[in-house]
Amino acid sequence: MSIIPWSRGIFDPFSADLWDPFSQGSSSGGRRGRSEDDATALARANVDWRETDKAHIITAEIPGVKKEEVKVEVEDNNVLRISGQRDKEEEEKGDTWHRIERSRGSFQRRFRLPENADVENISCALEQGVLTVEVPKKETEKPHNIRSINIS
């Protein structure tokens, strides 16, 4: 069970559903209406999204997951999907497990990217259990210098 105190029906921007911070008046942030289990807890891995002048940078905590077990994809031209699988540890004959708290199972997080996202040049890195996805911004046209001319 998650330690985050979201209650049923309360907006949760980081749910496993598609999070669309750029929608206008939409409630597509997702609502939780199911009980939490290992897969749900893993799907709700901590994610940060920050924006700089040049890129959108998304970091996700996915400890214990190898880069071969993670997929970063773009669907429908502007939805970033991070998914993967964390498998159960191998049990060896004679082992006695006293407690299992680490989440395991599949996970998926989806984020609607803004129009200025350059989805053709996304880069990713996984270091020490933290996935960093950098989505560069497209170059926008600089506004033309407009000057007013008096009418005589």
Protein backbone atom coordinates (compact mmCIF):
# COMPACT_ATOMS: atom_id res chain seq x y z
CA MET A 1 0.00 0.00 0.00
CA SER A 2 1.29 3.42 -0.87
CA ILE A 3 2.18 5.88 1.88
CA ILE A 4 0.87 8.77 -0.25
CA PRO A 5 -2.45 9.84 1.30
CA TRP A 6 -4.53 10.11 -1.90
CA SER A 7 -8.12 9.22 -1.14
CA ARG A 8 -10.66 7.77 -3.57
CA GLY A 9 -11.83 10.29 -6.16
CA ILE A 10 -9.15 12.90 -5.41
CA PHE A 11 -7.15 14.16 -8.41
CA ASP A 12 -3.77 12.44 -8.53
CA PRO A 13 -1.55 13.95 -11.26
CA PHE A 14 0.93 11.08 -11.02
CA SER A 15 -1.47 8.16 -11.31
CA ALA A 16 -0.75 5.34 -13.78
CA ASP A 17 -3.26 6.97 -16.15
CA LEU A 18 -2.23 9.52 -18.78
CA TRP A 19 -1.26 12.79 -17.19
CA ASP A 20 -2.02 15.76 -19.41
CA PRO A 21 -0.95 19.01 -17.75
CA PHE A 22 -1.53 20.90 -20.98
CA SER A 23 -5.20 20.08 -21.44
CA GLN A 24 -7.67 22.89 -21.12
CA GLY A 25 -10.45 22.04 -18.70
CA SER A 26 -9.98 18.29 -19.07
CA SER A 27 -9.80 16.00 -16.09
CA SER A 28 -7.56 13.43 -17.78
CA GLY A 29 -5.19 13.47 -14.84
CA GLY A 30 -6.69 10.18 -13.77
CA ARG A 31 -8.64 9.05 -10.79
CA ARG A 32 -7.83 6.13 -8.62
CA GLY A 33 -10.68 3.81 -7.96
CA ARG A 34 -8.93 0.50 -7.48
CA SER A 35 -7.18 -1.03 -4.55
CA GLU A 36 -3.43 -0.72 -4.52
CA ASP A 37 -1.21 -3.75 -5.03
CA ASP A 38 2.46 -4.26 -5.90
CA ALA A 39 2.00 -3.41 -9.58
CA THR A 40 0.05 -0.25 -8.77
CA ALA A 41 2.61 0.85 -6.21
CA LEU A 42 5.37 0.33 -8.76
CA ALA A 43 3.38 2.16 -11.44
CA ARG A 44 3.21 5.09 -9.05
CA ALA A 45 7.01 5.35 -8.88
CA ASN A 46 8.15 8.84 -8.02
CA VAL A 47 8.44 11.06 -11.10
CA ASP A 48 9.60 14.66 -11.45
CA TRP A 49 9.01 16.79 -14.55
CA ARG A 50 10.82 20.07 -14.92
CA GLU A 51 11.09 22.46 -17.81
CA THR A 52 14.12 24.49 -18.78
CA ASP A 53 14.59 26.99 -21.60
CA LYS A 54 15.79 24.19 -23.88
CA ALA A 55 14.05 20.97 -22.74
CA HIS A 56 11.51 19.08 -20.67
CA ILE A 57 13.33 16.78 -18.25
CA ILE A 58 11.49 13.85 -16.68
CA THR A 59 13.15 11.77 -13.98
CA ALA A 60 11.68 8.57 -12.60
CA GLU A 61 12.87 6.49 -9.67
CA ILE A 62 12.95 2.85 -10.73
CA PRO A 63 15.47 1.17 -8.42
CA GLY A 64 16.41 -2.41 -9.17
CA VAL A 65 15.31 -2.21 -12.82
CA LYS A 66 17.93 -2.82 -15.52
CA LYS A 67 17.96 -0.69 -18.65
CA GLU A 68 17.05 -3.78 -20.70
CA GLU A 69 13.81 -3.99 -18.68
CA VAL A 70 12.71 -0.40 -19.43
CA LYS A 71 11.08 1.02 -22.58
CA VAL A 72 10.72 4.70 -23.37
CA GLU A 73 8.39 5.29 -26.31
CA VAL A 74 6.41 8.07 -27.97
CA GLU A 75 2.86 7.18 -28.98
CA ASP A 76 0.40 9.27 -30.99
CA ASN A 77 3.20 11.78 -31.70
CA ASN A 78 3.07 13.49 -28.31
CA VAL A 79 2.50 10.97 -25.51
CA LEU A 80 5.65 9.82 -23.73
CA ARG A 81 5.32 6.30 -22.30
CA ILE A 82 7.76 4.85 -19.79
CA SER A 83 7.16 1.16 -19.11
CA GLY A 84 8.97 -1.90 -17.89
CA GLN A 85 9.08 -4.88 -15.61
CA ARG A 86 10.64 -5.50 -12.23
CA ASP A 87 10.85 -9.22 -11.62
CA LYS A 88 10.65 -11.10 -8.36
CA GLU A 89 14.01 -12.14 -6.97
CA GLU A 90 14.98 -15.74 -7.48
CA GLU A 91 14.31 -17.87 -4.44
CA GLU A 92 17.04 -20.33 -3.70
CA LYS A 93 16.40 -23.64 -2.04
CA GLY A 94 16.72 -23.24 1.70
CA ASP A 95 16.00 -19.49 1.75
CA THR A 96 13.52 -18.24 4.33
CA TRP A 97 11.89 -14.92 3.48
CA HIS A 98 10.81 -12.89 6.52
CA ARG A 99 9.51 -9.79 4.77
CA ILE A 100 8.93 -8.60 1.19
CA GLU A 101 8.24 -4.87 0.79
CA ARG A 102 9.88 -3.95 -2.51
CA SER A 103 7.45 -3.62 -5.37
CA ARG A 104 7.60 -5.94 -8.34
CA GLY A 105 5.61 -6.38 -11.49
CA SER A 106 5.08 -4.29 -14.60
CA PHE A 107 4.80 -0.53 -14.63
CA GLN A 108 3.73 2.13 -17.09
CA ARG A 109 3.59 5.91 -16.89
CA ARG A 110 2.28 8.16 -19.67
CA PHE A 111 2.68 11.92 -20.10
CA ARG A 112 1.18 14.16 -22.78
CA LEU A 113 3.97 16.35 -24.11
CA PRO A 114 3.41 19.98 -25.12
CA GLU A 115 3.40 21.09 -28.76
CA ASN A 116 6.95 22.43 -28.51
CA ALA A 117 8.39 18.97 -27.68
CA ASP A 118 10.94 17.69 -30.21
CA VAL A 119 9.98 14.00 -30.04
CA GLU A 120 12.53 13.09 -32.74
CA ASN A 121 15.50 13.94 -30.50
CA ILE A 122 14.60 12.49 -27.09
CA SER A 123 17.51 11.11 -25.07
CA CYS A 124 17.48 8.83 -22.00
CA ALA A 125 19.89 7.64 -19.35
CA LEU A 126 19.53 5.24 -16.41
CA GLU A 127 21.94 5.74 -13.54
CA GLN A 128 21.72 4.35 -10.02
CA GLY A 129 18.01 3.56 -10.35
CA VAL A 130 17.01 6.96 -11.74
CA LEU A 131 15.79 7.22 -15.33
CA THR A 132 16.29 10.64 -16.91
CA VAL A 133 14.39 11.44 -20.10
CA GLU A 134 15.30 14.69 -21.85
CA VAL A 135 12.81 15.98 -24.42
CA PRO A 136 14.32 18.96 -26.25
CA LYS A 137 12.12 21.86 -27.25
CA LYS A 138 11.63 22.67 -30.92
CA GLU A 139 13.13 25.88 -32.17
CA THR A 140 10.40 28.47 -32.46
CA GLU A 141 10.46 31.33 -34.87
CA LYS A 142 11.64 34.51 -33.31
CA PRO A 143 9.02 37.23 -33.51
CA HIS A 144 9.81 39.68 -36.25
CA ASN A 145 10.84 43.11 -35.14
CA ILE A 146 7.77 45.23 -35.80
CA ARG A 147 7.88 48.96 -35.69
CA SER A 148 5.04 51.35 -36.08
CA ILE A 149 5.03 53.94 -38.86
CA ASN A 150 3.08 57.14 -38.49
CA ILE A 151 0.47 57.85 -41.12
CA SER A 152 0.57 61.42 -42.42
